[in-house]
Amino acid sequence: MLCSLASSTLYASEPAPTGMALQQIQAKDFESSADIAFPSVMTVLQDDGYRILTAQKDTGLITAIGSESAHYIWAPFVGLRQKKQVPMVSAFIEQRGANYTRIRLSFVMSTGKSDRSFSDEKPITDAAPYKTAFEKIEKEIFVRQSMNAPTPASRTPTATPAQISIAGQQSSNGK
């Protein structure tokens, strides 16, 4: 019994991060305007299979739901039933300064009770999904900034006033 207690203490899961530690996982600053960051987040979420539920550019809030995965479980007194796991995400895009935007994502895994009702939301505190999402958002921001960058002015040869006066003198001299 002592060995099992010692092994359970040894392999106990780490407590979920809270406060500033959680914010460091869930938030990232980008050198971009919110006007570019907002549609970038929308695009990445849609590309990853999320269905956008709400998107309000003026508040910077996006909520989305992913595809459910269902499996059967045995519940005492109920018998065999289906359990649905549904990923959900909320994003907050906030302009910070002239050209900086902070994006904060919050991924949760919800258990479906019925077709439209979810409960038992479990926050995802593993840093890997956030890191992957931020890398995709960074690439999308880069693409959008590149598309919006001003193009260099086309250079057409133009005559200077000195060249015009020389040409005028040559024609008046009969050459």
N, C-alpha and C. Protein backbone atom coordinates (compact mmCIF):
# COMPACT_ATOMS: atom_id res chain seq x y z
N MET A 1 0.83 -1.19 0.00
CA MET A 1 0.00 0.00 0.00
C MET A 1 0.88 1.26 0.00
N LEU A 2 1.94 1.21 0.77
CA LEU A 2 2.86 2.33 0.83
C LEU A 2 3.49 2.58 -0.54
N CYS A 3 3.82 1.50 -1.26
CA CYS A 3 4.42 1.66 -2.59
C CYS A 3 3.44 2.32 -3.55
N SER A 4 2.16 1.96 -3.50
CA SER A 4 1.19 2.56 -4.41
C SER A 4 0.99 4.04 -4.08
N LEU A 5 1.01 4.38 -2.80
CA LEU A 5 0.88 5.78 -2.39
C LEU A 5 2.08 6.59 -2.87
N ALA A 6 3.26 6.02 -2.74
CA ALA A 6 4.48 6.70 -3.17
C ALA A 6 4.48 6.87 -4.68
N SER A 7 4.06 5.84 -5.42
CA SER A 7 4.07 5.96 -6.88
C SER A 7 3.01 6.94 -7.36
N SER A 8 1.85 7.01 -6.68
CA SER A 8 0.84 7.97 -7.11
C SER A 8 1.30 9.39 -6.82
N THR A 9 2.04 9.60 -5.76
CA THR A 9 2.58 10.92 -5.45
C THR A 9 3.66 11.29 -6.45
N LEU A 10 4.46 10.31 -6.83
CA LEU A 10 5.55 10.53 -7.76
C LEU A 10 5.04 10.90 -9.14
N TYR A 11 3.95 10.26 -9.57
CA TYR A 11 3.42 10.48 -10.91
C TYR A 11 2.17 11.37 -10.91
N ALA A 12 1.97 12.12 -9.86
CA ALA A 12 0.80 13.01 -9.80
C ALA A 12 0.92 14.07 -10.88
N SER A 13 -0.20 14.39 -11.48
CA SER A 13 -0.16 15.39 -12.54
C SER A 13 0.09 16.77 -11.95
N GLU A 14 0.73 17.59 -12.76
CA GLU A 14 1.03 18.94 -12.32
C GLU A 14 -0.27 19.74 -12.26
N PRO A 15 -0.38 20.65 -11.31
CA PRO A 15 -1.59 21.48 -11.26
C PRO A 15 -1.67 22.37 -12.49
N ALA A 16 -2.89 22.66 -12.90
CA ALA A 16 -3.09 23.51 -14.06
C ALA A 16 -2.59 24.92 -13.76
N PRO A 17 -1.92 25.55 -14.74
CA PRO A 17 -1.43 26.90 -14.51
C PRO A 17 -2.59 27.89 -14.35
N THR A 18 -2.37 28.89 -13.56
CA THR A 18 -3.39 29.91 -13.36
C THR A 18 -2.75 31.29 -13.48
N GLY A 19 -3.56 32.31 -13.59
CA GLY A 19 -3.07 33.68 -13.59
C GLY A 19 -2.09 33.98 -14.71
N MET A 20 -0.95 34.53 -14.34
CA MET A 20 0.06 34.95 -15.31
C MET A 20 0.64 33.79 -16.10
N ALA A 21 0.79 32.63 -15.46
CA ALA A 21 1.34 31.48 -16.18
C ALA A 21 0.39 31.05 -17.30
N LEU A 22 -0.89 31.06 -17.03
CA LEU A 22 -1.88 30.71 -18.05
C LEU A 22 -1.91 31.77 -19.16
N GLN A 23 -1.78 33.02 -18.79
CA GLN A 23 -1.78 34.11 -19.77
C GLN A 23 -0.58 34.01 -20.71
N GLN A 24 0.56 33.57 -20.18
CA GLN A 24 1.76 33.40 -21.02
C GLN A 24 1.55 32.30 -22.05
N ILE A 25 0.76 31.29 -21.73
CA ILE A 25 0.47 30.22 -22.68
C ILE A 25 -0.55 30.68 -23.70
N GLN A 26 -1.58 31.40 -23.25
CA GLN A 26 -2.73 31.72 -24.08
C GLN A 26 -2.62 33.01 -24.88
N ALA A 27 -1.65 33.87 -24.62
CA ALA A 27 -1.60 35.17 -25.27
C ALA A 27 -0.26 35.39 -25.97
N LYS A 28 -0.33 36.16 -27.05
CA LYS A 28 0.89 36.52 -27.77
C LYS A 28 0.69 37.87 -28.43
N ASP A 29 1.74 38.69 -28.43
CA ASP A 29 1.72 40.00 -29.08
C ASP A 29 2.27 39.87 -30.49
N PHE A 30 1.64 40.59 -31.42
CA PHE A 30 2.06 40.58 -32.81
C PHE A 30 2.27 42.01 -33.28
N GLU A 31 3.24 42.18 -34.18
CA GLU A 31 3.48 43.49 -34.78
C GLU A 31 2.53 43.62 -35.97
N SER A 32 1.33 44.07 -35.65
CA SER A 32 0.26 44.14 -36.64
C SER A 32 -0.86 45.00 -36.08
N SER A 33 -1.72 45.46 -36.95
CA SER A 33 -2.91 46.16 -36.49
C SER A 33 -4.01 45.13 -36.23
N ALA A 34 -4.98 45.51 -35.43
CA ALA A 34 -6.11 44.62 -35.17
C ALA A 34 -6.91 44.38 -36.44
N ASP A 35 -6.88 45.34 -37.37
CA ASP A 35 -7.59 45.17 -38.64
C ASP A 35 -7.03 44.01 -39.46
N ILE A 36 -5.77 43.69 -39.28
CA ILE A 36 -5.18 42.55 -39.98
C ILE A 36 -5.24 41.30 -39.10
N ALA A 37 -5.05 41.46 -37.80
CA ALA A 37 -5.04 40.31 -36.89
C ALA A 37 -6.40 39.62 -36.79
N PHE A 38 -7.49 40.40 -36.76
CA PHE A 38 -8.82 39.82 -36.59
C PHE A 38 -9.17 38.83 -37.70
N PRO A 39 -9.09 39.24 -38.99
CA PRO A 39 -9.40 38.26 -40.04
C PRO A 39 -8.37 37.13 -40.11
N SER A 40 -7.15 37.38 -39.66
CA SER A 40 -6.14 36.31 -39.63
C SER A 40 -6.56 35.21 -38.67
N VAL A 41 -7.03 35.60 -37.49
CA VAL A 41 -7.49 34.61 -36.50
C VAL A 41 -8.71 33.86 -37.06
N MET A 42 -9.63 34.58 -37.67
CA MET A 42 -10.82 33.95 -38.26
C MET A 42 -10.41 32.90 -39.29
N THR A 43 -9.49 33.25 -40.17
CA THR A 43 -9.03 32.35 -41.22
C THR A 43 -8.40 31.09 -40.64
N VAL A 44 -7.52 31.26 -39.66
CA VAL A 44 -6.84 30.11 -39.05
C VAL A 44 -7.84 29.18 -38.38
N LEU A 45 -8.79 29.74 -37.64
CA LEU A 45 -9.79 28.90 -36.99
C LEU A 45 -10.62 28.14 -38.01
N GLN A 46 -11.05 28.80 -39.07
CA GLN A 46 -11.82 28.12 -40.10
C GLN A 46 -10.99 27.06 -40.81
N ASP A 47 -9.73 27.36 -41.09
CA ASP A 47 -8.85 26.37 -41.73
C ASP A 47 -8.65 25.14 -40.85
N ASP A 48 -8.70 25.33 -39.53
CA ASP A 48 -8.53 24.21 -38.60
C ASP A 48 -9.83 23.47 -38.31
N GLY A 49 -10.90 23.82 -39.02
CA GLY A 49 -12.15 23.08 -38.90
C GLY A 49 -13.13 23.62 -37.87
N TYR A 50 -12.87 24.81 -37.36
CA TYR A 50 -13.81 25.40 -36.40
C TYR A 50 -14.92 26.13 -37.16
N ARG A 51 -16.12 26.07 -36.62
CA ARG A 51 -17.25 26.82 -37.15
C ARG A 51 -17.41 28.06 -36.28
N ILE A 52 -17.36 29.22 -36.90
CA ILE A 52 -17.45 30.48 -36.16
C ILE A 52 -18.88 30.66 -35.66
N LEU A 53 -19.02 30.86 -34.35
CA LEU A 53 -20.34 31.11 -33.76
C LEU A 53 -20.62 32.60 -33.67
N THR A 54 -19.63 33.36 -33.16
CA THR A 54 -19.76 34.81 -33.09
C THR A 54 -18.43 35.44 -33.47
N ALA A 55 -18.54 36.61 -34.08
CA ALA A 55 -17.34 37.39 -34.43
C ALA A 55 -17.73 38.85 -34.42
N GLN A 56 -17.15 39.60 -33.50
CA GLN A 56 -17.45 41.03 -33.39
C GLN A 56 -16.14 41.80 -33.45
N LYS A 57 -15.90 42.39 -34.60
CA LYS A 57 -14.63 43.09 -34.81
C LYS A 57 -14.46 44.27 -33.87
N ASP A 58 -15.56 44.98 -33.55
CA ASP A 58 -15.44 46.16 -32.69
C ASP A 58 -15.04 45.79 -31.27
N THR A 59 -15.42 44.60 -30.77
CA THR A 59 -14.99 44.18 -29.44
C THR A 59 -13.77 43.27 -29.49
N GLY A 60 -13.47 42.73 -30.68
CA GLY A 60 -12.32 41.84 -30.83
C GLY A 60 -12.59 40.42 -30.37
N LEU A 61 -13.84 40.03 -30.22
CA LEU A 61 -14.18 38.72 -29.69
C LEU A 61 -14.66 37.78 -30.79
N ILE A 62 -14.09 36.57 -30.77
CA ILE A 62 -14.49 35.50 -31.69
C ILE A 62 -14.74 34.25 -30.84
N THR A 63 -15.85 33.56 -31.09
CA THR A 63 -16.08 32.26 -30.47
C THR A 63 -16.33 31.25 -31.59
N ALA A 64 -15.84 30.04 -31.39
CA ALA A 64 -15.97 29.02 -32.43
C ALA A 64 -16.07 27.64 -31.78
N ILE A 65 -16.63 26.72 -32.54
CA ILE A 65 -16.80 25.35 -32.07
C ILE A 65 -16.23 24.41 -33.11
N GLY A 66 -15.56 23.37 -32.64
CA GLY A 66 -14.96 22.39 -33.53
C GLY A 66 -15.88 21.22 -33.76
N SER A 67 -15.41 20.27 -34.53
CA SER A 67 -16.19 19.06 -34.80
C SER A 67 -16.14 18.15 -33.60
N GLU A 68 -17.28 17.54 -33.33
CA GLU A 68 -17.36 16.66 -32.16
C GLU A 68 -16.78 15.29 -32.47
N SER A 69 -16.27 14.68 -31.44
CA SER A 69 -15.87 13.28 -31.53
C SER A 69 -16.69 12.54 -30.49
N ALA A 70 -17.32 11.47 -30.91
CA ALA A 70 -18.21 10.74 -30.01
C ALA A 70 -17.69 9.33 -29.80
N HIS A 71 -17.93 8.83 -28.60
CA HIS A 71 -17.62 7.44 -28.32
C HIS A 71 -18.64 6.93 -27.29
N TYR A 72 -18.77 5.63 -27.20
CA TYR A 72 -19.74 5.05 -26.29
C TYR A 72 -19.09 4.72 -24.95
N ILE A 73 -19.84 4.96 -23.88
CA ILE A 73 -19.37 4.65 -22.53
C ILE A 73 -20.45 3.86 -21.81
N TRP A 74 -20.04 3.14 -20.78
CA TRP A 74 -20.97 2.42 -19.94
C TRP A 74 -21.19 3.25 -18.68
N ALA A 75 -22.44 3.67 -18.46
CA ALA A 75 -22.77 4.47 -17.28
C ALA A 75 -23.61 3.63 -16.34
N PRO A 76 -23.25 3.58 -15.06
CA PRO A 76 -24.05 2.81 -14.11
C PRO A 76 -25.49 3.31 -14.06
N PHE A 77 -26.41 2.42 -13.95
CA PHE A 77 -27.84 2.69 -13.87
C PHE A 77 -28.43 3.23 -15.17
N VAL A 78 -27.62 3.52 -16.15
CA VAL A 78 -28.11 4.04 -17.43
C VAL A 78 -27.82 3.06 -18.55
N GLY A 79 -26.67 2.42 -18.49
CA GLY A 79 -26.25 1.50 -19.53
C GLY A 79 -25.34 2.16 -20.53
N LEU A 80 -25.39 1.67 -21.74
CA LEU A 80 -24.52 2.16 -22.81
C LEU A 80 -25.08 3.48 -23.34
N ARG A 81 -24.21 4.49 -23.39
CA ARG A 81 -24.64 5.77 -23.93
C ARG A 81 -23.48 6.43 -24.66
N GLN A 82 -23.82 7.41 -25.47
CA GLN A 82 -22.82 8.11 -26.27
C GLN A 82 -22.31 9.34 -25.52
N LYS A 83 -21.01 9.51 -25.53
CA LYS A 83 -20.39 10.67 -24.91
C LYS A 83 -19.71 11.48 -26.01
N LYS A 84 -20.02 12.76 -26.10
CA LYS A 84 -19.47 13.63 -27.14
C LYS A 84 -18.44 14.58 -26.53
N GLN A 85 -17.33 14.71 -27.19
CA GLN A 85 -16.30 15.68 -26.83
C GLN A 85 -16.25 16.72 -27.94
N VAL A 86 -16.37 17.98 -27.56
CA VAL A 86 -16.42 19.05 -28.55
C VAL A 86 -15.40 20.13 -28.17
N PRO A 87 -14.42 20.39 -29.06
CA PRO A 87 -13.48 21.48 -28.78
C PRO A 87 -14.14 22.83 -29.07
N MET A 88 -13.89 23.79 -28.20
CA MET A 88 -14.40 25.15 -28.37
C MET A 88 -13.26 26.12 -28.14
N VAL A 89 -13.36 27.29 -28.75
CA VAL A 89 -12.31 28.30 -28.58
C VAL A 89 -12.94 29.68 -28.55
N SER A 90 -12.35 30.53 -27.75
CA SER A 90 -12.68 31.95 -27.80
C SER A 90 -11.38 32.70 -28.01
N ALA A 91 -11.47 33.77 -28.78
CA ALA A 91 -10.30 34.58 -29.08
C ALA A 91 -10.63 36.03 -28.78
N PHE A 92 -9.65 36.73 -28.22
CA PHE A 92 -9.79 38.16 -27.95
C PHE A 92 -8.63 38.86 -28.62
N ILE A 93 -8.95 39.77 -29.55
CA ILE A 93 -7.94 40.51 -30.29
C ILE A 93 -8.01 41.96 -29.82
N GLU A 94 -6.88 42.45 -29.29
CA GLU A 94 -6.85 43.77 -28.68
C GLU A 94 -5.70 44.60 -29.26
N GLN A 95 -6.05 45.80 -29.76
CA GLN A 95 -5.03 46.72 -30.27
C GLN A 95 -4.25 47.28 -29.09
N ARG A 96 -2.92 47.21 -29.16
CA ARG A 96 -2.06 47.74 -28.10
C ARG A 96 -1.01 48.61 -28.74
N GLY A 97 -1.27 49.88 -28.75
CA GLY A 97 -0.33 50.80 -29.39
C GLY A 97 -0.62 50.92 -30.87
N ALA A 98 0.21 51.69 -31.55
CA ALA A 98 -0.04 52.00 -32.96
C ALA A 98 0.03 50.76 -33.85
N ASN A 99 0.99 49.90 -33.62
CA ASN A 99 1.18 48.77 -34.52
C ASN A 99 1.39 47.45 -33.79
N TYR A 100 0.80 47.31 -32.61
CA TYR A 100 0.91 46.06 -31.87
C TYR A 100 -0.48 45.58 -31.48
N THR A 101 -0.67 44.28 -31.58
CA THR A 101 -1.94 43.65 -31.24
C THR A 101 -1.67 42.44 -30.37
N ARG A 102 -2.46 42.28 -29.33
CA ARG A 102 -2.38 41.09 -28.49
C ARG A 102 -3.54 40.18 -28.83
N ILE A 103 -3.22 38.91 -29.04
CA ILE A 103 -4.24 37.90 -29.30
C ILE A 103 -4.21 36.91 -28.16
N ARG A 104 -5.36 36.68 -27.56
CA ARG A 104 -5.47 35.69 -26.49
C ARG A 104 -6.49 34.64 -26.90
N LEU A 105 -6.07 33.40 -26.87
CA LEU A 105 -6.92 32.27 -27.21
C LEU A 105 -7.23 31.47 -25.96
N SER A 106 -8.41 30.90 -25.91
CA SER A 106 -8.79 30.02 -24.81
C SER A 106 -9.47 28.80 -25.39
N PHE A 107 -8.76 27.67 -25.39
CA PHE A 107 -9.31 26.41 -25.89
C PHE A 107 -9.90 25.64 -24.71
N VAL A 108 -11.07 25.06 -24.92
CA VAL A 108 -11.68 24.19 -23.92
C VAL A 108 -12.23 22.96 -24.63
N MET A 109 -12.34 21.86 -23.87
CA MET A 109 -12.97 20.65 -24.37
C MET A 109 -14.25 20.49 -23.58
N SER A 110 -15.39 20.48 -24.29
CA SER A 110 -16.69 20.37 -23.65
C SER A 110 -17.27 18.99 -23.87
N THR A 111 -18.00 18.53 -22.89
CA THR A 111 -18.70 17.27 -23.01
C THR A 111 -20.15 17.58 -23.36
N GLY A 112 -20.65 16.97 -24.43
CA GLY A 112 -22.01 17.23 -24.88
C GLY A 112 -23.03 16.45 -24.08
N LYS A 113 -24.05 17.15 -23.60
CA LYS A 113 -25.17 16.48 -22.92
C LYS A 113 -26.25 16.13 -23.92
N SER A 114 -26.51 17.03 -24.84
CA SER A 114 -27.49 16.79 -25.89
C SER A 114 -26.98 17.47 -27.14
N ASP A 115 -27.83 17.58 -28.14
CA ASP A 115 -27.37 18.17 -29.40
C ASP A 115 -26.91 19.61 -29.26
N ARG A 116 -27.52 20.39 -28.38
CA ARG A 116 -27.20 21.81 -28.28
C ARG A 116 -26.70 22.23 -26.90
N SER A 117 -26.53 21.29 -26.01
CA SER A 117 -26.16 21.63 -24.64
C SER A 117 -24.81 21.00 -24.31
N PHE A 118 -23.94 21.80 -23.70
CA PHE A 118 -22.62 21.32 -23.33
C PHE A 118 -22.38 21.59 -21.85
N SER A 119 -21.61 20.72 -21.25
CA SER A 119 -21.26 20.91 -19.84
C SER A 119 -19.86 20.38 -19.62
N ASP A 120 -19.43 20.46 -18.41
CA ASP A 120 -18.12 19.93 -18.03
C ASP A 120 -17.01 20.43 -18.96
N GLU A 121 -16.92 21.73 -19.09
CA GLU A 121 -15.85 22.31 -19.90
C GLU A 121 -14.54 22.17 -19.17
N LYS A 122 -13.57 21.64 -19.87
CA LYS A 122 -12.25 21.46 -19.29
C LYS A 122 -11.26 22.32 -20.08
N PRO A 123 -10.67 23.32 -19.44
CA PRO A 123 -9.72 24.18 -20.15
C PRO A 123 -8.50 23.38 -20.61
N ILE A 124 -8.02 23.69 -21.77
CA ILE A 124 -6.80 23.06 -22.29
C ILE A 124 -5.64 23.95 -21.88
N THR A 125 -4.79 23.44 -21.01
CA THR A 125 -3.68 24.23 -20.49
C THR A 125 -2.33 23.78 -21.03
N ASP A 126 -2.33 22.77 -21.88
CA ASP A 126 -1.09 22.33 -22.52
C ASP A 126 -0.67 23.42 -23.51
N ALA A 127 0.59 23.77 -23.51
CA ALA A 127 1.09 24.88 -24.35
C ALA A 127 1.14 24.52 -25.84
N ALA A 128 1.20 23.25 -26.19
CA ALA A 128 1.38 22.85 -27.60
C ALA A 128 0.29 23.35 -28.54
N PRO A 129 -1.01 23.19 -28.24
CA PRO A 129 -2.02 23.68 -29.19
C PRO A 129 -1.98 25.20 -29.37
N TYR A 130 -1.64 25.92 -28.32
CA TYR A 130 -1.55 27.38 -28.41
C TYR A 130 -0.36 27.78 -29.28
N LYS A 131 0.76 27.10 -29.09
CA LYS A 131 1.96 27.40 -29.87
C LYS A 131 1.68 27.17 -31.36
N THR A 132 1.04 26.05 -31.66
CA THR A 132 0.71 25.73 -33.06
C THR A 132 -0.23 26.78 -33.64
N ALA A 133 -1.26 27.16 -32.89
CA ALA A 133 -2.22 28.15 -33.37
C ALA A 133 -1.54 29.50 -33.60
N PHE A 134 -0.68 29.92 -32.70
CA PHE A 134 0.00 31.21 -32.85
C PHE A 134 0.97 31.20 -34.03
N GLU A 135 1.60 30.06 -34.31
CA GLU A 135 2.48 29.98 -35.48
C GLU A 135 1.67 30.16 -36.76
N LYS A 136 0.49 29.54 -36.82
CA LYS A 136 -0.38 29.67 -38.00
C LYS A 136 -0.89 31.11 -38.13
N ILE A 137 -1.26 31.72 -37.02
CA ILE A 137 -1.74 33.09 -37.04
C ILE A 137 -0.63 34.03 -37.51
N GLU A 138 0.59 33.80 -37.02
CA GLU A 138 1.73 34.63 -37.43
C GLU A 138 1.95 34.55 -38.94
N LYS A 139 1.85 33.35 -39.51
CA LYS A 139 2.01 33.19 -40.96
C LYS A 139 0.89 33.91 -41.71
N GLU A 140 -0.33 33.80 -41.22
CA GLU A 140 -1.47 34.44 -41.88
C GLU A 140 -1.33 35.97 -41.81
N ILE A 141 -0.88 36.49 -40.68
CA ILE A 141 -0.65 37.93 -40.56
C ILE A 141 0.42 38.38 -41.56
N PHE A 142 1.49 37.60 -41.68
CA PHE A 142 2.56 37.92 -42.62
C PHE A 142 2.02 37.99 -44.05
N VAL A 143 1.20 37.01 -44.42
CA VAL A 143 0.64 36.98 -45.78
C VAL A 143 -0.24 38.20 -46.01
N ARG A 144 -1.09 38.52 -45.04
CA ARG A 144 -1.99 39.66 -45.19
C ARG A 144 -1.22 40.98 -45.23
N GLN A 145 -0.18 41.11 -44.42
CA GLN A 145 0.62 42.34 -44.46
C GLN A 145 1.34 42.46 -45.80
N SER A 146 1.80 41.34 -46.33
CA SER A 146 2.49 41.36 -47.63
C SER A 146 1.53 41.77 -48.74
N MET A 147 0.28 41.30 -48.66
CA MET A 147 -0.71 41.65 -49.68
C MET A 147 -1.10 43.12 -49.59
N ASN A 148 -1.05 43.70 -48.40
CA ASN A 148 -1.44 45.09 -48.19
C ASN A 148 -0.28 46.06 -48.32
N ALA A 149 0.94 45.55 -48.50
CA ALA A 149 2.11 46.43 -48.58
C ALA A 149 2.04 47.27 -49.84
N PRO A 150 2.47 48.53 -49.75
CA PRO A 150 2.45 49.37 -50.95
C PRO A 150 3.46 48.86 -51.97
N THR A 151 3.08 48.91 -53.22
CA THR A 151 3.99 48.47 -54.27
C THR A 151 4.89 49.62 -54.66
N PRO A 152 6.12 49.33 -55.06
CA PRO A 152 7.02 50.41 -55.47
C PRO A 152 6.44 51.12 -56.70
N ALA A 153 6.60 52.43 -56.75
CA ALA A 153 6.09 53.21 -57.88
C ALA A 153 6.78 52.75 -59.16
N SER A 154 5.98 52.58 -60.19
CA SER A 154 6.58 52.13 -61.45
C SER A 154 7.44 53.27 -62.01
N ARG A 155 8.57 52.89 -62.54
CA ARG A 155 9.52 53.88 -63.05
C ARG A 155 9.41 53.92 -64.58
N THR A 156 8.95 55.05 -65.05
CA THR A 156 8.94 55.27 -66.51
C THR A 156 9.96 56.36 -66.81
N PRO A 157 10.68 56.20 -67.87
CA PRO A 157 11.69 57.21 -68.19
C PRO A 157 11.02 58.56 -68.45
N THR A 158 11.50 59.55 -67.78
CA THR A 158 10.98 60.90 -67.98
C THR A 158 12.15 61.81 -68.36
N ALA A 159 11.85 62.77 -69.16
CA ALA A 159 12.89 63.70 -69.61
C ALA A 159 13.03 64.81 -68.58
N THR A 160 14.26 65.20 -68.33
CA THR A 160 14.53 66.31 -67.42
C THR A 160 14.42 67.61 -68.21
N PRO A 161 14.23 68.75 -67.53
CA PRO A 161 14.16 70.04 -68.24
C PRO A 161 15.40 70.30 -69.08
N ALA A 162 16.59 69.89 -68.62
CA ALA A 162 17.82 70.12 -69.39
C ALA A 162 17.77 69.35 -70.70
N GLN A 163 17.26 68.11 -70.65
CA GLN A 163 17.19 67.31 -71.87
C GLN A 163 16.19 67.91 -72.86
N ILE A 164 15.10 68.46 -72.35
CA ILE A 164 14.09 69.06 -73.22
C ILE A 164 14.66 70.30 -73.90
N SER A 165 15.37 71.14 -73.15
CA SER A 165 15.91 72.35 -73.75
C SER A 165 16.99 72.03 -74.77
N ILE A 166 17.78 71.00 -74.52
CA ILE A 166 18.82 70.59 -75.49
C ILE A 166 18.15 70.08 -76.74
N ALA A 167 17.11 69.27 -76.59
CA ALA A 167 16.39 68.74 -77.75
C ALA A 167 15.75 69.88 -78.53
N GLY A 168 15.21 70.88 -77.83
CA GLY A 168 14.58 72.03 -78.50
C GLY A 168 15.60 72.86 -79.26
N GLN A 169 16.81 72.99 -78.71
CA GLN A 169 17.86 73.76 -79.39
C GLN A 169 18.32 73.04 -80.64
N GLN A 170 18.41 71.71 -80.55
CA GLN A 170 18.86 70.96 -81.72
C GLN A 170 17.85 71.05 -82.84
N SER A 171 16.58 71.02 -82.55
CA SER A 171 15.58 71.09 -83.61
C SER A 171 15.51 72.50 -84.19
N SER A 172 15.77 73.52 -83.39
CA SER A 172 15.72 74.89 -83.91
C SER A 172 16.97 75.21 -84.74
N ASN A 173 18.06 74.50 -84.50
CA ASN A 173 19.29 74.69 -85.27
C ASN A 173 19.24 73.90 -86.59
N GLY A 174 18.17 73.13 -86.75
CA GLY A 174 18.02 72.37 -87.98
C GLY A 174 18.74 71.07 -87.96
N LYS A 175 19.15 70.61 -86.84
CA LYS A 175 19.87 69.33 -86.77
C LYS A 175 18.93 68.23 -86.51
